[in-house]
Amino acid sequence: MKYLLDTHVIIWILGDKEKFSDKTFRIIIDPGNVKYVSIASAWEVAIKIGKGNLRLDGGVSSFLRTTDRHGIKLLPIKQKHIKTLETLPLLHRDPFDRILVASAMSESMCLITADINIPLYDIACLW
């Protein structure tokens, strides 16, 4: 199975590993699982750091190094993601989470997230 990791998952890998369930953490660290993070997540981190809403030692570069170190591939935003986004019901108002949902749907990925609003969509998700 392919997994798409929500933004907070990468941030928590950096310093709040106790927030993960055992099952979720095993999936994340298993090198046999194919894991992705959206470029939208790096964009979200950069915006939050710039606005002062997130403090992350090393900034967005640290975020991206963490993905590399854990074998997490960077997923670009594709046309099919945008087309899926256009048809999503407005169950979640955060634009970054909505593009993650659309990307996971388009790519048949399981979205790893602690966000309680994501399961409102007809999508495979795990926490």
N, C-alpha and C. Protein backbone atom coordinates (compact mmCIF):
# COMPACT_ATOMS: atom_id res chain seq x y z
N MET A 1 0.84 -1.18 0.00
CA MET A 1 0.00 0.00 0.00
C MET A 1 0.89 1.25 0.00
N LYS A 2 0.38 2.27 -0.63
CA LYS A 2 1.07 3.56 -0.64
C LYS A 2 0.41 4.47 0.40
N TYR A 3 1.24 5.23 1.10
CA TYR A 3 0.76 6.10 2.16
C TYR A 3 1.14 7.55 1.87
N LEU A 4 0.20 8.46 2.12
CA LEU A 4 0.47 9.89 2.06
C LEU A 4 0.42 10.40 3.49
N LEU A 5 1.49 11.04 3.92
CA LEU A 5 1.59 11.53 5.30
C LEU A 5 1.15 12.98 5.38
N ASP A 6 0.27 13.26 6.33
CA ASP A 6 -0.18 14.63 6.57
C ASP A 6 1.00 15.44 7.10
N THR A 7 0.92 16.73 6.96
CA THR A 7 1.99 17.65 7.36
C THR A 7 2.42 17.43 8.80
N HIS A 8 1.46 17.32 9.70
CA HIS A 8 1.81 17.19 11.12
C HIS A 8 2.56 15.89 11.42
N VAL A 9 2.40 14.89 10.58
CA VAL A 9 3.11 13.62 10.80
C VAL A 9 4.61 13.85 10.70
N ILE A 10 5.05 14.59 9.69
CA ILE A 10 6.48 14.88 9.54
C ILE A 10 6.98 15.74 10.69
N ILE A 11 6.20 16.72 11.08
CA ILE A 11 6.58 17.59 12.20
C ILE A 11 6.71 16.77 13.48
N TRP A 12 5.79 15.85 13.70
CA TRP A 12 5.85 15.02 14.91
C TRP A 12 7.03 14.04 14.88
N ILE A 13 7.42 13.59 13.69
CA ILE A 13 8.62 12.74 13.59
C ILE A 13 9.83 13.50 14.13
N LEU A 14 9.84 14.81 13.92
CA LEU A 14 10.95 15.64 14.38
C LEU A 14 11.02 15.80 15.90
N GLY A 15 9.90 15.62 16.60
CA GLY A 15 10.01 15.87 18.03
C GLY A 15 8.88 15.40 18.91
N ASP A 16 7.81 14.87 18.36
CA ASP A 16 6.68 14.43 19.19
C ASP A 16 6.26 13.01 18.84
N LYS A 17 7.23 12.09 18.78
CA LYS A 17 6.95 10.72 18.37
C LYS A 17 5.94 10.01 19.27
N GLU A 18 5.82 10.49 20.51
CA GLU A 18 4.88 9.86 21.44
C GLU A 18 3.42 10.08 21.02
N LYS A 19 3.17 10.97 20.09
CA LYS A 19 1.80 11.22 19.62
C LYS A 19 1.29 10.14 18.67
N PHE A 20 2.19 9.29 18.17
CA PHE A 20 1.80 8.24 17.24
C PHE A 20 1.30 7.00 17.97
N SER A 21 0.33 6.34 17.37
CA SER A 21 -0.03 5.01 17.85
C SER A 21 1.10 4.07 17.43
N ASP A 22 1.21 2.93 18.10
CA ASP A 22 2.27 1.97 17.74
C ASP A 22 2.13 1.53 16.29
N LYS A 23 0.90 1.24 15.88
CA LYS A 23 0.65 0.77 14.52
C LYS A 23 1.09 1.81 13.49
N THR A 24 0.70 3.05 13.71
CA THR A 24 1.04 4.11 12.77
C THR A 24 2.55 4.32 12.71
N PHE A 25 3.20 4.33 13.86
CA PHE A 25 4.65 4.54 13.87
C PHE A 25 5.38 3.40 13.16
N ARG A 26 4.92 2.17 13.35
CA ARG A 26 5.54 1.03 12.65
C ARG A 26 5.42 1.18 11.14
N ILE A 27 4.26 1.63 10.67
CA ILE A 27 4.06 1.83 9.23
C ILE A 27 5.01 2.90 8.71
N ILE A 28 5.14 3.98 9.47
CA ILE A 28 5.99 5.10 9.03
C ILE A 28 7.46 4.70 8.96
N ILE A 29 7.94 3.95 9.92
CA ILE A 29 9.37 3.62 9.95
C ILE A 29 9.71 2.37 9.13
N ASP A 30 8.73 1.62 8.69
CA ASP A 30 8.98 0.41 7.90
C ASP A 30 9.48 0.79 6.51
N PRO A 31 10.74 0.44 6.18
CA PRO A 31 11.27 0.81 4.87
C PRO A 31 10.59 0.08 3.71
N GLY A 32 9.82 -0.95 4.02
CA GLY A 32 9.09 -1.69 2.99
C GLY A 32 7.82 -0.99 2.53
N ASN A 33 7.36 0.00 3.29
CA ASN A 33 6.17 0.76 2.90
C ASN A 33 6.56 1.94 2.04
N VAL A 34 5.75 2.21 1.03
CA VAL A 34 5.99 3.35 0.15
C VAL A 34 5.25 4.54 0.73
N LYS A 35 6.02 5.58 1.12
CA LYS A 35 5.45 6.74 1.80
C LYS A 35 5.76 8.00 1.02
N TYR A 36 4.77 8.90 1.04
CA TYR A 36 4.88 10.17 0.34
C TYR A 36 4.48 11.31 1.27
N VAL A 37 5.01 12.49 0.96
CA VAL A 37 4.53 13.73 1.55
C VAL A 37 4.32 14.67 0.38
N SER A 38 3.23 15.41 0.41
CA SER A 38 2.92 16.33 -0.67
C SER A 38 3.79 17.57 -0.60
N ILE A 39 4.13 18.10 -1.76
CA ILE A 39 4.83 19.38 -1.81
C ILE A 39 3.97 20.46 -1.13
N ALA A 40 2.65 20.25 -1.11
CA ALA A 40 1.75 21.19 -0.42
C ALA A 40 2.06 21.24 1.08
N SER A 41 2.53 20.14 1.64
CA SER A 41 2.89 20.14 3.07
C SER A 41 4.11 21.01 3.33
N ALA A 42 5.10 20.94 2.44
CA ALA A 42 6.27 21.81 2.58
C ALA A 42 5.86 23.27 2.43
N TRP A 43 4.95 23.53 1.52
CA TRP A 43 4.42 24.88 1.31
C TRP A 43 3.70 25.36 2.57
N GLU A 44 2.88 24.49 3.16
CA GLU A 44 2.16 24.83 4.39
C GLU A 44 3.13 25.17 5.52
N VAL A 45 4.18 24.36 5.67
CA VAL A 45 5.17 24.60 6.71
C VAL A 45 5.86 25.95 6.49
N ALA A 46 6.25 26.23 5.26
CA ALA A 46 6.92 27.51 4.96
C ALA A 46 6.02 28.69 5.30
N ILE A 47 4.74 28.58 4.97
CA ILE A 47 3.79 29.67 5.27
C ILE A 47 3.62 29.84 6.78
N LYS A 48 3.45 28.73 7.49
CA LYS A 48 3.25 28.81 8.94
C LYS A 48 4.49 29.36 9.65
N ILE A 49 5.67 28.96 9.20
CA ILE A 49 6.89 29.50 9.79
C ILE A 49 6.97 31.00 9.51
N GLY A 50 6.71 31.40 8.27
CA GLY A 50 6.76 32.81 7.89
C GLY A 50 5.78 33.68 8.66
N LYS A 51 4.62 33.13 9.00
CA LYS A 51 3.62 33.87 9.75
C LYS A 51 3.87 33.83 11.26
N GLY A 52 4.82 33.01 11.68
CA GLY A 52 5.10 32.88 13.11
C GLY A 52 4.18 31.90 13.81
N ASN A 53 3.44 31.09 13.07
CA ASN A 53 2.52 30.12 13.66
C ASN A 53 3.16 28.76 13.93
N LEU A 54 4.39 28.59 13.46
CA LEU A 54 5.11 27.33 13.65
C LEU A 54 6.57 27.64 13.86
N ARG A 55 7.14 27.04 14.87
CA ARG A 55 8.58 27.15 15.10
C ARG A 55 9.17 25.78 14.82
N LEU A 56 10.09 25.75 13.89
CA LEU A 56 10.71 24.49 13.50
C LEU A 56 12.20 24.74 13.28
N ASP A 57 13.02 24.19 14.17
CA ASP A 57 14.47 24.36 14.03
C ASP A 57 14.91 23.89 12.65
N GLY A 58 15.57 24.76 11.92
CA GLY A 58 16.03 24.42 10.59
C GLY A 58 15.01 24.73 9.50
N GLY A 59 13.82 25.19 9.91
CA GLY A 59 12.80 25.61 8.96
C GLY A 59 12.33 24.52 8.02
N VAL A 60 11.87 24.95 6.86
CA VAL A 60 11.34 24.00 5.88
C VAL A 60 12.43 23.05 5.38
N SER A 61 13.69 23.49 5.43
CA SER A 61 14.79 22.61 5.03
C SER A 61 14.87 21.40 5.95
N SER A 62 14.65 21.62 7.24
CA SER A 62 14.64 20.53 8.21
C SER A 62 13.48 19.57 7.92
N PHE A 63 12.34 20.13 7.59
CA PHE A 63 11.16 19.33 7.23
C PHE A 63 11.50 18.42 6.04
N LEU A 64 12.12 18.99 5.02
CA LEU A 64 12.45 18.21 3.82
C LEU A 64 13.57 17.20 4.08
N ARG A 65 14.54 17.55 4.90
CA ARG A 65 15.59 16.59 5.26
C ARG A 65 15.02 15.40 6.00
N THR A 66 14.02 15.65 6.85
CA THR A 66 13.39 14.57 7.59
C THR A 66 12.70 13.60 6.64
N THR A 67 12.03 14.12 5.62
CA THR A 67 11.39 13.23 4.66
C THR A 67 12.44 12.38 3.94
N ASP A 68 13.53 13.00 3.54
CA ASP A 68 14.61 12.26 2.86
C ASP A 68 15.19 11.18 3.77
N ARG A 69 15.45 11.55 5.01
CA ARG A 69 16.08 10.63 5.97
C ARG A 69 15.20 9.40 6.24
N HIS A 70 13.89 9.56 6.14
CA HIS A 70 12.98 8.46 6.42
C HIS A 70 12.45 7.79 5.15
N GLY A 71 13.07 8.11 4.02
CA GLY A 71 12.68 7.47 2.77
C GLY A 71 11.29 7.86 2.29
N ILE A 72 10.86 9.05 2.66
CA ILE A 72 9.53 9.54 2.27
C ILE A 72 9.69 10.36 1.00
N LYS A 73 8.96 9.95 -0.04
CA LYS A 73 9.08 10.61 -1.34
C LYS A 73 8.22 11.87 -1.40
N LEU A 74 8.69 12.83 -2.16
CA LEU A 74 7.96 14.08 -2.33
C LEU A 74 6.97 13.92 -3.49
N LEU A 75 5.71 14.18 -3.21
CA LEU A 75 4.65 14.06 -4.21
C LEU A 75 4.30 15.44 -4.75
N PRO A 76 4.50 15.67 -6.05
CA PRO A 76 4.11 16.96 -6.62
C PRO A 76 2.59 17.05 -6.71
N ILE A 77 2.09 18.26 -6.86
CA ILE A 77 0.66 18.44 -7.12
C ILE A 77 0.47 18.28 -8.62
N LYS A 78 -0.40 17.35 -8.98
CA LYS A 78 -0.64 17.02 -10.38
C LYS A 78 -2.00 17.55 -10.83
N GLN A 79 -2.19 17.60 -12.13
CA GLN A 79 -3.47 18.06 -12.68
C GLN A 79 -4.63 17.22 -12.16
N LYS A 80 -4.44 15.91 -12.06
CA LYS A 80 -5.54 15.06 -11.60
C LYS A 80 -5.90 15.36 -10.14
N HIS A 81 -4.94 15.82 -9.35
CA HIS A 81 -5.23 16.19 -7.97
C HIS A 81 -6.14 17.42 -7.94
N ILE A 82 -5.82 18.39 -8.79
CA ILE A 82 -6.62 19.62 -8.86
C ILE A 82 -8.03 19.31 -9.36
N LYS A 83 -8.14 18.42 -10.33
CA LYS A 83 -9.47 18.05 -10.85
C LYS A 83 -10.29 17.35 -9.78
N THR A 84 -9.66 16.50 -8.99
CA THR A 84 -10.37 15.84 -7.89
C THR A 84 -10.75 16.86 -6.82
N LEU A 85 -9.85 17.77 -6.53
CA LEU A 85 -10.11 18.83 -5.55
C LEU A 85 -11.37 19.63 -5.91
N GLU A 86 -11.53 19.90 -7.18
CA GLU A 86 -12.67 20.67 -7.65
C GLU A 86 -14.01 20.00 -7.32
N THR A 87 -14.01 18.68 -7.25
CA THR A 87 -15.26 17.95 -7.00
C THR A 87 -15.46 17.56 -5.54
N LEU A 88 -14.50 17.85 -4.69
CA LEU A 88 -14.62 17.48 -3.26
C LEU A 88 -15.73 18.29 -2.59
N PRO A 89 -16.55 17.62 -1.78
CA PRO A 89 -17.49 18.39 -0.97
C PRO A 89 -16.72 19.20 0.08
N LEU A 90 -17.28 20.28 0.51
CA LEU A 90 -16.61 21.17 1.45
C LEU A 90 -16.81 20.68 2.89
N LEU A 91 -16.24 19.52 3.18
CA LEU A 91 -16.33 18.94 4.52
C LEU A 91 -15.19 19.44 5.41
N HIS A 92 -14.16 19.94 4.79
CA HIS A 92 -12.99 20.45 5.49
C HIS A 92 -12.62 21.77 4.81
N ARG A 93 -12.39 22.79 5.59
CA ARG A 93 -12.15 24.12 5.01
C ARG A 93 -10.68 24.45 4.81
N ASP A 94 -9.78 23.67 5.39
CA ASP A 94 -8.35 23.94 5.24
C ASP A 94 -7.89 23.55 3.84
N PRO A 95 -7.39 24.51 3.06
CA PRO A 95 -7.01 24.21 1.67
C PRO A 95 -5.87 23.20 1.57
N PHE A 96 -4.96 23.19 2.54
CA PHE A 96 -3.87 22.22 2.49
C PHE A 96 -4.39 20.81 2.74
N ASP A 97 -5.27 20.66 3.70
CA ASP A 97 -5.84 19.33 3.95
C ASP A 97 -6.69 18.86 2.77
N ARG A 98 -7.39 19.78 2.14
CA ARG A 98 -8.21 19.41 0.98
C ARG A 98 -7.36 18.91 -0.19
N ILE A 99 -6.21 19.53 -0.43
CA ILE A 99 -5.36 19.04 -1.52
C ILE A 99 -4.73 17.70 -1.14
N LEU A 100 -4.47 17.47 0.14
CA LEU A 100 -3.97 16.17 0.56
C LEU A 100 -5.02 15.09 0.33
N VAL A 101 -6.28 15.38 0.66
CA VAL A 101 -7.37 14.43 0.44
C VAL A 101 -7.49 14.14 -1.06
N ALA A 102 -7.50 15.18 -1.87
CA ALA A 102 -7.62 15.01 -3.32
C ALA A 102 -6.45 14.22 -3.89
N SER A 103 -5.25 14.49 -3.39
CA SER A 103 -4.06 13.77 -3.86
C SER A 103 -4.14 12.30 -3.49
N ALA A 104 -4.50 12.02 -2.24
CA ALA A 104 -4.61 10.62 -1.79
C ALA A 104 -5.68 9.87 -2.59
N MET A 105 -6.81 10.53 -2.82
CA MET A 105 -7.87 9.90 -3.62
C MET A 105 -7.38 9.60 -5.03
N SER A 106 -6.76 10.58 -5.65
CA SER A 106 -6.30 10.44 -7.04
C SER A 106 -5.23 9.37 -7.20
N GLU A 107 -4.43 9.20 -6.18
CA GLU A 107 -3.30 8.27 -6.25
C GLU A 107 -3.58 6.93 -5.57
N SER A 108 -4.82 6.74 -5.08
CA SER A 108 -5.20 5.51 -4.34
C SER A 108 -4.25 5.24 -3.18
N MET A 109 -4.04 6.28 -2.38
CA MET A 109 -3.16 6.19 -1.21
C MET A 109 -3.99 6.22 0.07
N CYS A 110 -3.43 5.67 1.11
CA CYS A 110 -4.00 5.79 2.44
C CYS A 110 -3.37 7.03 3.07
N LEU A 111 -4.21 7.93 3.57
CA LEU A 111 -3.72 9.16 4.19
C LEU A 111 -3.51 8.94 5.68
N ILE A 112 -2.29 9.12 6.13
CA ILE A 112 -1.98 8.99 7.56
C ILE A 112 -2.14 10.36 8.18
N THR A 113 -3.11 10.47 9.08
CA THR A 113 -3.43 11.76 9.69
C THR A 113 -4.15 11.58 11.02
N ALA A 114 -3.95 12.54 11.91
CA ALA A 114 -4.70 12.58 13.16
C ALA A 114 -5.88 13.54 13.06
N ASP A 115 -6.04 14.17 11.90
CA ASP A 115 -7.11 15.15 11.67
C ASP A 115 -8.46 14.44 11.67
N ILE A 116 -9.32 14.80 12.61
CA ILE A 116 -10.62 14.12 12.75
C ILE A 116 -11.59 14.44 11.63
N ASN A 117 -11.31 15.46 10.83
CA ASN A 117 -12.19 15.82 9.72
C ASN A 117 -11.90 15.04 8.44
N ILE A 118 -10.72 14.51 8.30
CA ILE A 118 -10.34 13.79 7.07
C ILE A 118 -11.21 12.55 6.85
N PRO A 119 -11.51 11.76 7.89
CA PRO A 119 -12.35 10.57 7.65
C PRO A 119 -13.79 10.90 7.20
N LEU A 120 -14.16 12.17 7.21
CA LEU A 120 -15.47 12.55 6.69
C LEU A 120 -15.56 12.30 5.19
N TYR A 121 -14.41 12.26 4.53
CA TYR A 121 -14.35 11.98 3.11
C TYR A 121 -14.29 10.46 2.90
N ASP A 122 -14.69 10.05 1.73
CA ASP A 122 -14.64 8.64 1.36
C ASP A 122 -13.22 8.32 0.92
N ILE A 123 -12.37 8.14 1.90
CA ILE A 123 -10.93 7.96 1.65
C ILE A 123 -10.36 6.98 2.67
N ALA A 124 -9.37 6.24 2.23
CA ALA A 124 -8.66 5.37 3.16
C ALA A 124 -7.76 6.25 4.01
N CYS A 125 -7.92 6.15 5.32
CA CYS A 125 -7.04 6.90 6.21
C CYS A 125 -6.75 6.06 7.45
N LEU A 126 -5.70 6.46 8.12
CA LEU A 126 -5.19 5.68 9.25
C LEU A 126 -4.65 6.61 10.31
N TRP A 127 -4.88 6.27 11.54
CA TRP A 127 -4.22 6.87 12.67
C TRP A 127 -4.19 5.91 13.79
